[in-house]
C-alpha cells in the first residue's frame, strides 16, 4: 500500500510543494508514496504548479486506521486530517514547534528551525545523493520564497538562502522577479468571500486552555480587505474561538494589520500596540515566529 504524504489543512505553498517533492524523493529511493493535500490548492501554489507544469496532489479528507502516512509542514492534530490519531505515522518533517502528536511505534522525526519545510526536503535530496530535476527544484524554491517572503521574514536562515541560490540555478529563474509574480498572483482576493479569506491560511492552537485561531493573508492590496472591515469583524466575532486573530500582512510595508476577536489587553501585550481593530504592527510577518509565540505569552500572562 502506498504511503500517503501530506501537509496541513488549508494547505499553503510549502505544504503542497514539500509533499510533492518528498514523494518524488521517496519514490526515487524505492519507497512507494503518494502526494496528497488536505484541501483545495491556493492561488500561490497553483501558480507554482502551473509554472513548472506539475499536477496537483489528490485531495483527501480522512484516513483509515491501516493507512501509513508521512506528515510534512505541521505536527499538531488540530491542523491535520481526521483519523490521524489511529493511522500509522512513519515520519514527520517540519519546521514548526512541537505540537503534541503521539505514536504507538518508533518513527523518524526531523524538525529544524528553518524558514521552510522545503529547505529540509532539499537537504534530504543532497544527503541521499538524488538529483533534483527542474520541476521539483522549481517547487522547492517556490515554497522557500513563499515561506521566507523572499528571505525577508525573520524565520529565514542561512540554510534557506543557500537552498534558494542552488535551486534557482537548477530551475533557471530570477528569484526576485519570480517571487513577485507569484506573490501578485497568489495574493489576489478577487472572488473570495470574507470566510474564504479568514480561512485561507488558518491554523488552530491551544493556548493556556483557550482555543485560538490565527489566520494570515498576504496581500498587495490592503484596501480590498479594509473595504470590508465590518464584514470581517462580524464573521470573526461569530466564530466559537476564544480568540481569533486575522493578520493582514502587507508584503511591501513588511508588517501586518490585525483584526481580532478577544481581549484588547491580550493583543496590546502581544504586540506592544494600542489595541484597535485594524492596528498596524510593524515588522510582524511570521505566524510561526511572531504571531504564535507572542500570543501564547500574552494569553498565559492574562490568566
Foldseek 3Di string as FASTA:
>chain_A
DAAEEFEWALDALQGFLVQVLLCVVCVVVVGGHFYEYADDYFQLNVVLCVVLVHDTGHHDAADDLAHEYEYEADAAPQGHHHPPLRHHYAEYQHAFDHHDRDHPDDHYYHYHQAQGSLLVSVVVCVVVVHDQAQSSLSSSLSRLCVSCVNVVAPSHDPSSVVSNVVSCVRNVDDSVVVSVVSLARRQDCPPPDLVCQQVSAKGWDQAPNFIEMEAEGEHQCVCVDVVCLVVNQVVQQVDPGQKYWYWHAYSVQQWTFIAMDYDQQLVCQLQVDRDDHRDIRGNDDHCRPRVVVSSNVSVVVVD
